[in-house]
Each structure stands twice: as structure tokens, then as C-alpha cells.
N, C-alpha and C. Protein backbone atom coordinates (compact mmCIF):
# COMPACT_ATOMS: atom_id res chain seq x y z
N MET A 1 -1.15 -21.38 26.31
CA MET A 1 -0.04 -20.58 25.84
C MET A 1 -0.50 -19.70 24.67
N ALA A 2 -0.17 -18.42 24.72
CA ALA A 2 -0.59 -17.47 23.69
C ALA A 2 0.19 -17.71 22.39
N THR A 3 -0.47 -17.40 21.29
CA THR A 3 0.19 -17.50 19.99
C THR A 3 1.21 -16.37 19.89
N GLU A 4 2.39 -16.69 19.41
CA GLU A 4 3.43 -15.67 19.27
C GLU A 4 3.04 -14.70 18.17
N LYS A 5 3.08 -13.40 18.50
CA LYS A 5 2.74 -12.38 17.52
C LYS A 5 3.99 -12.09 16.69
N LEU A 6 3.83 -12.12 15.38
CA LEU A 6 4.94 -11.83 14.50
C LEU A 6 5.31 -10.35 14.56
N GLN A 7 6.58 -10.06 14.42
CA GLN A 7 7.04 -8.67 14.42
C GLN A 7 6.57 -7.97 13.15
N PRO A 8 6.21 -6.67 13.28
CA PRO A 8 5.82 -5.93 12.08
C PRO A 8 6.97 -5.89 11.07
N ILE A 9 6.60 -5.78 9.81
CA ILE A 9 7.56 -5.72 8.70
C ILE A 9 7.62 -4.27 8.21
N THR A 10 8.82 -3.78 7.93
CA THR A 10 8.97 -2.42 7.39
C THR A 10 9.66 -2.48 6.03
N ILE A 11 9.08 -1.75 5.09
CA ILE A 11 9.67 -1.60 3.76
C ILE A 11 9.76 -0.10 3.49
N GLU A 12 10.62 0.28 2.54
CA GLU A 12 10.70 1.70 2.22
C GLU A 12 11.20 1.91 0.80
N SER A 13 10.96 3.13 0.33
CA SER A 13 11.42 3.53 -0.99
C SER A 13 11.47 5.04 -1.04
N THR A 14 12.39 5.57 -1.84
CA THR A 14 12.43 7.00 -2.07
C THR A 14 12.00 7.26 -3.51
N VAL A 15 10.94 8.05 -3.64
CA VAL A 15 10.37 8.36 -4.94
C VAL A 15 10.89 9.73 -5.38
N ASN A 16 11.37 9.81 -6.60
CA ASN A 16 11.86 11.07 -7.14
C ASN A 16 10.69 11.89 -7.66
N ALA A 17 9.90 12.40 -6.70
CA ALA A 17 8.73 13.21 -7.01
C ALA A 17 8.38 14.01 -5.76
N PRO A 18 7.77 15.20 -5.94
CA PRO A 18 7.38 16.01 -4.77
C PRO A 18 6.29 15.33 -3.95
N ILE A 19 6.26 15.65 -2.66
CA ILE A 19 5.32 15.04 -1.72
C ILE A 19 3.87 15.17 -2.18
N GLU A 20 3.46 16.31 -2.73
CA GLU A 20 2.07 16.49 -3.15
C GLU A 20 1.68 15.49 -4.25
N LYS A 21 2.60 15.28 -5.20
CA LYS A 21 2.33 14.32 -6.29
C LYS A 21 2.28 12.90 -5.74
N VAL A 22 3.22 12.56 -4.86
CA VAL A 22 3.24 11.22 -4.26
C VAL A 22 1.93 10.96 -3.51
N TRP A 23 1.48 11.93 -2.73
CA TRP A 23 0.23 11.79 -1.97
C TRP A 23 -0.95 11.55 -2.92
N GLU A 24 -1.01 12.35 -3.99
CA GLU A 24 -2.09 12.22 -4.98
C GLU A 24 -2.07 10.85 -5.65
N PHE A 25 -0.89 10.40 -6.10
CA PHE A 25 -0.79 9.13 -6.80
C PHE A 25 -1.05 7.95 -5.86
N TRP A 26 -0.72 8.10 -4.57
CA TRP A 26 -0.94 7.04 -3.58
C TRP A 26 -2.42 6.87 -3.29
N ASN A 27 -3.18 7.98 -3.29
CA ASN A 27 -4.54 7.97 -2.77
C ASN A 27 -5.66 8.08 -3.79
N ASN A 28 -5.39 8.52 -5.01
CA ASN A 28 -6.42 8.68 -6.02
C ASN A 28 -6.70 7.33 -6.69
N PRO A 29 -7.95 6.84 -6.63
CA PRO A 29 -8.26 5.52 -7.20
C PRO A 29 -7.84 5.36 -8.67
N GLU A 30 -7.90 6.43 -9.45
CA GLU A 30 -7.49 6.33 -10.86
C GLU A 30 -6.00 6.02 -10.98
N HIS A 31 -5.21 6.48 -10.02
CA HIS A 31 -3.78 6.14 -10.01
C HIS A 31 -3.55 4.78 -9.36
N ILE A 32 -4.26 4.49 -8.27
CA ILE A 32 -4.09 3.23 -7.54
C ILE A 32 -4.21 2.04 -8.51
N LYS A 33 -5.16 2.13 -9.44
CA LYS A 33 -5.39 1.03 -10.39
C LYS A 33 -4.17 0.77 -11.27
N ASN A 34 -3.25 1.74 -11.36
CA ASN A 34 -2.07 1.60 -12.21
C ASN A 34 -0.83 1.06 -11.51
N TRP A 35 -0.90 0.91 -10.18
CA TRP A 35 0.31 0.44 -9.49
C TRP A 35 0.08 -0.60 -8.39
N ALA A 36 -1.14 -0.83 -7.95
CA ALA A 36 -1.40 -1.65 -6.76
C ALA A 36 -1.40 -3.15 -7.03
N PHE A 37 -0.26 -3.66 -7.52
CA PHE A 37 -0.08 -5.09 -7.75
C PHE A 37 1.41 -5.38 -7.75
N ALA A 38 1.77 -6.63 -7.48
CA ALA A 38 3.19 -6.97 -7.26
C ALA A 38 3.93 -7.40 -8.53
N THR A 39 3.22 -8.00 -9.48
CA THR A 39 3.89 -8.51 -10.68
C THR A 39 3.12 -8.11 -11.93
N PRO A 40 3.79 -8.07 -13.08
CA PRO A 40 3.15 -7.63 -14.33
C PRO A 40 1.98 -8.50 -14.78
N ASP A 41 1.89 -9.74 -14.29
CA ASP A 41 0.78 -10.60 -14.70
C ASP A 41 -0.46 -10.39 -13.81
N TRP A 42 -0.40 -9.41 -12.92
CA TRP A 42 -1.54 -9.01 -12.09
C TRP A 42 -1.92 -7.58 -12.44
N HIS A 43 -3.12 -7.19 -12.02
CA HIS A 43 -3.55 -5.80 -12.19
C HIS A 43 -4.54 -5.45 -11.08
N ALA A 44 -4.94 -4.18 -11.04
CA ALA A 44 -5.91 -3.71 -10.04
C ALA A 44 -7.08 -3.09 -10.81
N PRO A 45 -8.06 -3.93 -11.20
CA PRO A 45 -9.15 -3.43 -12.03
C PRO A 45 -10.13 -2.50 -11.32
N HIS A 46 -10.10 -2.47 -9.99
CA HIS A 46 -11.06 -1.63 -9.25
C HIS A 46 -10.40 -1.06 -8.01
N ALA A 47 -10.66 0.23 -7.75
CA ALA A 47 -10.18 0.85 -6.50
C ALA A 47 -11.16 1.92 -6.06
N GLU A 48 -11.43 1.93 -4.76
CA GLU A 48 -12.25 2.97 -4.12
C GLU A 48 -11.46 3.46 -2.92
N ASN A 49 -11.56 4.76 -2.60
CA ASN A 49 -10.81 5.28 -1.47
C ASN A 49 -11.52 6.47 -0.84
N ASP A 50 -11.93 6.30 0.41
CA ASP A 50 -12.54 7.37 1.19
C ASP A 50 -11.51 7.78 2.24
N LEU A 51 -10.60 8.69 1.85
CA LEU A 51 -9.42 9.01 2.65
C LEU A 51 -9.76 9.97 3.80
N GLN A 52 -10.26 9.40 4.88
CA GLN A 52 -10.55 10.14 6.11
C GLN A 52 -10.65 9.13 7.25
N VAL A 53 -10.49 9.61 8.47
CA VAL A 53 -10.61 8.71 9.62
C VAL A 53 -11.97 8.04 9.59
N ASP A 54 -11.98 6.73 9.75
CA ASP A 54 -13.17 5.86 9.65
C ASP A 54 -13.63 5.63 8.21
N GLY A 55 -12.94 6.24 7.24
CA GLY A 55 -13.24 5.98 5.84
C GLY A 55 -12.68 4.63 5.44
N LYS A 56 -13.27 4.04 4.42
CA LYS A 56 -12.82 2.71 3.97
C LYS A 56 -12.18 2.81 2.58
N PHE A 57 -11.35 1.82 2.28
CA PHE A 57 -10.81 1.68 0.93
C PHE A 57 -10.92 0.23 0.51
N THR A 58 -11.03 0.03 -0.80
CA THR A 58 -11.03 -1.30 -1.39
C THR A 58 -10.24 -1.24 -2.68
N THR A 59 -9.30 -2.14 -2.82
CA THR A 59 -8.59 -2.30 -4.08
C THR A 59 -8.69 -3.77 -4.47
N THR A 60 -9.20 -4.03 -5.67
CA THR A 60 -9.27 -5.39 -6.18
C THR A 60 -7.96 -5.70 -6.89
N MET A 61 -7.27 -6.73 -6.45
CA MET A 61 -6.04 -7.19 -7.08
C MET A 61 -6.36 -8.52 -7.74
N ALA A 62 -6.01 -8.63 -9.04
CA ALA A 62 -6.43 -9.82 -9.78
C ALA A 62 -5.35 -10.26 -10.77
N ALA A 63 -5.27 -11.57 -10.96
CA ALA A 63 -4.41 -12.10 -12.02
C ALA A 63 -5.04 -11.73 -13.35
N LYS A 64 -4.23 -11.29 -14.29
CA LYS A 64 -4.76 -10.87 -15.60
C LYS A 64 -5.43 -12.01 -16.35
N ASP A 65 -5.04 -13.25 -16.05
CA ASP A 65 -5.66 -14.40 -16.73
C ASP A 65 -6.98 -14.83 -16.09
N GLY A 66 -7.40 -14.10 -15.06
CA GLY A 66 -8.68 -14.38 -14.42
C GLY A 66 -8.68 -15.55 -13.44
N SER A 67 -7.51 -16.13 -13.18
CA SER A 67 -7.44 -17.33 -12.34
C SER A 67 -7.63 -17.03 -10.85
N MET A 68 -7.42 -15.78 -10.45
CA MET A 68 -7.42 -15.47 -9.03
C MET A 68 -7.65 -13.98 -8.82
N SER A 69 -8.36 -13.61 -7.76
CA SER A 69 -8.46 -12.20 -7.38
C SER A 69 -8.87 -12.09 -5.92
N PHE A 70 -8.57 -10.94 -5.33
CA PHE A 70 -9.00 -10.68 -3.96
C PHE A 70 -9.13 -9.19 -3.76
N ASP A 71 -9.92 -8.82 -2.75
CA ASP A 71 -10.08 -7.41 -2.39
C ASP A 71 -9.20 -7.10 -1.20
N PHE A 72 -8.42 -6.05 -1.33
CA PHE A 72 -7.58 -5.53 -0.26
C PHE A 72 -8.39 -4.40 0.36
N VAL A 73 -8.88 -4.62 1.60
CA VAL A 73 -9.86 -3.72 2.21
C VAL A 73 -9.39 -3.29 3.60
N GLY A 74 -9.60 -2.01 3.91
CA GLY A 74 -9.26 -1.53 5.24
C GLY A 74 -10.02 -0.28 5.61
N THR A 75 -9.82 0.13 6.87
CA THR A 75 -10.47 1.33 7.41
C THR A 75 -9.39 2.23 8.00
N TYR A 76 -9.42 3.49 7.61
CA TYR A 76 -8.43 4.46 8.09
C TYR A 76 -8.62 4.80 9.56
N THR A 77 -7.51 4.86 10.30
CA THR A 77 -7.54 5.28 11.70
C THR A 77 -6.84 6.62 11.89
N THR A 78 -5.90 6.95 11.00
CA THR A 78 -5.19 8.23 11.05
C THR A 78 -4.93 8.69 9.62
N VAL A 79 -5.22 9.96 9.35
CA VAL A 79 -4.87 10.55 8.06
C VAL A 79 -4.34 11.96 8.33
N GLU A 80 -3.05 12.16 8.04
CA GLU A 80 -2.42 13.48 8.14
C GLU A 80 -1.87 13.79 6.77
N GLU A 81 -2.51 14.72 6.06
CA GLU A 81 -2.18 14.98 4.66
C GLU A 81 -0.69 15.20 4.43
N ASN A 82 -0.17 14.50 3.42
CA ASN A 82 1.24 14.57 3.02
C ASN A 82 2.22 14.08 4.10
N LYS A 83 1.71 13.40 5.14
CA LYS A 83 2.59 12.96 6.23
C LYS A 83 2.40 11.51 6.66
N LEU A 84 1.15 11.14 6.97
CA LEU A 84 0.92 9.86 7.64
C LEU A 84 -0.45 9.29 7.31
N ILE A 85 -0.46 7.97 7.07
CA ILE A 85 -1.71 7.22 6.93
C ILE A 85 -1.57 5.97 7.79
N GLU A 86 -2.60 5.70 8.59
CA GLU A 86 -2.66 4.44 9.33
C GLU A 86 -4.03 3.83 9.06
N TYR A 87 -4.05 2.50 8.92
CA TYR A 87 -5.32 1.83 8.73
C TYR A 87 -5.27 0.43 9.30
N VAL A 88 -6.47 -0.15 9.45
CA VAL A 88 -6.62 -1.52 9.91
C VAL A 88 -7.24 -2.31 8.77
N LEU A 89 -6.59 -3.42 8.42
CA LEU A 89 -7.12 -4.29 7.38
C LEU A 89 -8.31 -5.08 7.92
N GLU A 90 -9.10 -5.65 7.03
CA GLU A 90 -10.28 -6.45 7.41
C GLU A 90 -9.95 -7.53 8.43
N ASP A 91 -8.74 -8.11 8.33
CA ASP A 91 -8.37 -9.20 9.24
C ASP A 91 -7.75 -8.70 10.55
N GLY A 92 -7.78 -7.37 10.77
CA GLY A 92 -7.31 -6.82 12.04
C GLY A 92 -5.85 -6.39 12.06
N ARG A 93 -5.12 -6.62 10.98
CA ARG A 93 -3.71 -6.22 10.95
C ARG A 93 -3.59 -4.72 10.75
N ASN A 94 -2.59 -4.12 11.38
CA ASN A 94 -2.36 -2.68 11.29
C ASN A 94 -1.30 -2.35 10.25
N VAL A 95 -1.50 -1.21 9.59
CA VAL A 95 -0.56 -0.70 8.60
C VAL A 95 -0.33 0.78 8.89
N LYS A 96 0.95 1.18 8.82
CA LYS A 96 1.31 2.59 9.03
C LYS A 96 2.23 3.01 7.88
N ILE A 97 1.91 4.15 7.25
CA ILE A 97 2.71 4.64 6.13
C ILE A 97 3.11 6.07 6.43
N ILE A 98 4.42 6.30 6.46
CA ILE A 98 4.97 7.63 6.70
C ILE A 98 5.46 8.18 5.37
N PHE A 99 5.07 9.42 5.08
CA PHE A 99 5.52 10.12 3.88
C PHE A 99 6.42 11.27 4.35
N ASP A 100 7.67 11.28 3.91
CA ASP A 100 8.61 12.31 4.33
C ASP A 100 9.22 12.90 3.07
N GLY A 101 8.71 14.08 2.65
CA GLY A 101 9.16 14.59 1.37
C GLY A 101 9.29 16.09 1.31
N ASP A 102 9.79 16.53 0.15
CA ASP A 102 9.93 17.95 -0.14
C ASP A 102 9.56 18.17 -1.61
N GLU A 103 10.12 19.18 -2.24
CA GLU A 103 9.79 19.48 -3.64
C GLU A 103 10.42 18.49 -4.63
N GLN A 104 11.45 17.74 -4.19
CA GLN A 104 12.16 16.85 -5.12
C GLN A 104 11.90 15.35 -4.89
N THR A 105 12.00 14.93 -3.65
CA THR A 105 11.90 13.50 -3.36
C THR A 105 10.98 13.26 -2.17
N THR A 106 10.45 12.05 -2.13
CA THR A 106 9.59 11.65 -1.02
C THR A 106 9.98 10.25 -0.59
N LYS A 107 10.31 10.11 0.68
CA LYS A 107 10.60 8.80 1.25
C LYS A 107 9.30 8.24 1.82
N ILE A 108 9.00 7.00 1.46
CA ILE A 108 7.81 6.32 1.97
C ILE A 108 8.31 5.17 2.84
N ILE A 109 7.84 5.14 4.09
CA ILE A 109 8.18 4.06 5.02
C ILE A 109 6.87 3.39 5.41
N GLU A 110 6.75 2.12 5.06
CA GLU A 110 5.51 1.38 5.28
C GLU A 110 5.78 0.24 6.25
N THR A 111 5.01 0.21 7.34
CA THR A 111 5.15 -0.84 8.34
C THR A 111 3.81 -1.57 8.46
N PHE A 112 3.85 -2.90 8.39
CA PHE A 112 2.60 -3.66 8.45
C PHE A 112 2.78 -4.92 9.29
N ASP A 113 1.67 -5.33 9.90
CA ASP A 113 1.65 -6.60 10.63
C ASP A 113 1.55 -7.73 9.60
N PRO A 114 2.44 -8.72 9.68
CA PRO A 114 2.34 -9.84 8.74
C PRO A 114 1.15 -10.74 9.05
N GLU A 115 0.70 -11.45 8.03
CA GLU A 115 -0.31 -12.48 8.27
C GLU A 115 0.42 -13.78 8.53
N THR A 116 -0.30 -14.82 8.90
CA THR A 116 0.35 -16.06 9.33
C THR A 116 0.37 -17.14 8.25
N GLN A 117 -0.27 -16.92 7.09
CA GLN A 117 -0.34 -17.96 6.07
C GLN A 117 0.94 -18.08 5.23
N ASN A 118 1.61 -16.96 5.00
CA ASN A 118 2.78 -16.96 4.12
C ASN A 118 4.04 -16.56 4.86
N PRO A 119 5.21 -17.04 4.40
CA PRO A 119 6.47 -16.68 5.07
C PRO A 119 6.68 -15.16 5.07
N VAL A 120 7.28 -14.66 6.15
CA VAL A 120 7.52 -13.23 6.31
C VAL A 120 8.31 -12.66 5.12
N GLU A 121 9.34 -13.37 4.68
CA GLU A 121 10.14 -12.86 3.55
C GLU A 121 9.30 -12.72 2.28
N MET A 122 8.39 -13.65 2.07
CA MET A 122 7.51 -13.58 0.90
C MET A 122 6.59 -12.36 0.99
N GLN A 123 6.05 -12.11 2.19
CA GLN A 123 5.18 -10.96 2.39
C GLN A 123 5.96 -9.66 2.19
N LYS A 124 7.15 -9.61 2.77
CA LYS A 124 7.99 -8.41 2.63
C LYS A 124 8.29 -8.17 1.15
N GLY A 125 8.63 -9.23 0.42
CA GLY A 125 8.93 -9.12 -1.00
C GLY A 125 7.73 -8.64 -1.81
N GLY A 126 6.56 -9.16 -1.50
CA GLY A 126 5.34 -8.77 -2.22
C GLY A 126 4.98 -7.32 -1.99
N TRP A 127 5.01 -6.89 -0.73
CA TRP A 127 4.69 -5.49 -0.41
C TRP A 127 5.75 -4.56 -1.01
N GLN A 128 7.01 -4.99 -0.97
CA GLN A 128 8.08 -4.16 -1.55
C GLN A 128 7.90 -4.05 -3.07
N ALA A 129 7.50 -5.13 -3.72
CA ALA A 129 7.27 -5.10 -5.16
C ALA A 129 6.16 -4.11 -5.52
N ILE A 130 5.11 -4.07 -4.70
CA ILE A 130 4.02 -3.11 -4.94
C ILE A 130 4.54 -1.68 -4.73
N LEU A 131 5.33 -1.47 -3.68
CA LEU A 131 5.91 -0.14 -3.43
C LEU A 131 6.84 0.27 -4.57
N ASP A 132 7.63 -0.68 -5.08
CA ASP A 132 8.50 -0.39 -6.23
C ASP A 132 7.68 -0.04 -7.47
N ASN A 133 6.57 -0.75 -7.66
CA ASN A 133 5.64 -0.45 -8.76
C ASN A 133 5.13 0.98 -8.63
N PHE A 134 4.76 1.37 -7.40
CA PHE A 134 4.29 2.73 -7.14
C PHE A 134 5.37 3.74 -7.52
N LYS A 135 6.59 3.50 -7.07
CA LYS A 135 7.71 4.40 -7.38
C LYS A 135 7.88 4.55 -8.89
N ASN A 136 7.92 3.43 -9.59
CA ASN A 136 8.13 3.45 -11.04
C ASN A 136 7.00 4.18 -11.77
N TYR A 137 5.76 3.89 -11.37
CA TYR A 137 4.60 4.53 -12.00
C TYR A 137 4.62 6.04 -11.75
N THR A 138 4.86 6.43 -10.51
CA THR A 138 4.83 7.85 -10.15
C THR A 138 5.93 8.62 -10.86
N GLU A 139 7.13 8.05 -10.91
CA GLU A 139 8.25 8.74 -11.57
C GLU A 139 8.03 8.83 -13.09
N ALA A 140 7.36 7.84 -13.68
CA ALA A 140 7.16 7.81 -15.13
C ALA A 140 6.01 8.71 -15.58
N ASN A 141 5.15 9.13 -14.66
CA ASN A 141 3.99 9.93 -15.00
C ASN A 141 4.09 11.30 -14.38
């Protein structure tokens, strides 16, 4: 009997910033280090991003107290500037991010395959917290 595949999870947020700024803040490693974590006691001390099809990215997410860290790594499969990013994580899960914006606001819709170690609601909450961090950082800068 095949293992049941979990349904993809979708999260979203509307950022009060133009699409070009949202794209830049989402993809520039200097910005990624300022938002790519779920809670204030974590940070992202390292980020690399080769934003092109077959390009790779790595973001190190770490507890500020040094107790824990991991690399969030993937390979891009689709990149459409200011519109769409798709990538595959190291563990084979797919992620799709749609950017729908204009000069004032940008809606980000992120869909990802859940992993099997943690409850779906916990994963959704964690990814949403990171997206909320992105929104807050982008709007404040």
C-alpha cells in the first residue's frame, strides 16, 4: 500500500509595497538575512541565492542562542521575474510562490508540500510566520 501523500499547504499575505521592491527583498541575500526566520529568537546568519532555473539557494536558519540551526536549500525550476518562483527542496518537496502586484501592493501566494515529521498546522504556522516577517520587514524598510 502506497504512503498517503499530504495535500500541499497554501499561505498568503498582501505586502504594502510595489512588486519590484517585494521581488528585490524576497530574492536579495542581504534582505533574506533580515526576514527568513519564524520567531524573534531565531535569525538567518547566512543566505546565498542564484535566482535562475537550475540555480541553487541556501539560507541558514539558526536559534540565536546557538542551540540549533539548519540550512534551507533548494534548486529553482521556474523563475518569472516579478511573477513566479518554483523550486524543489533538498528533500524533494515542491514550492511555488506567486507574486501578484502593482505600484502599491503585492499579494504573495506560497504553496508547499508538507514534510511528514511535523503536524501540518505547525508547518503552516511556521511558514506563515516567516511570510509575516517578510511583510513586516519589507513594509518597514
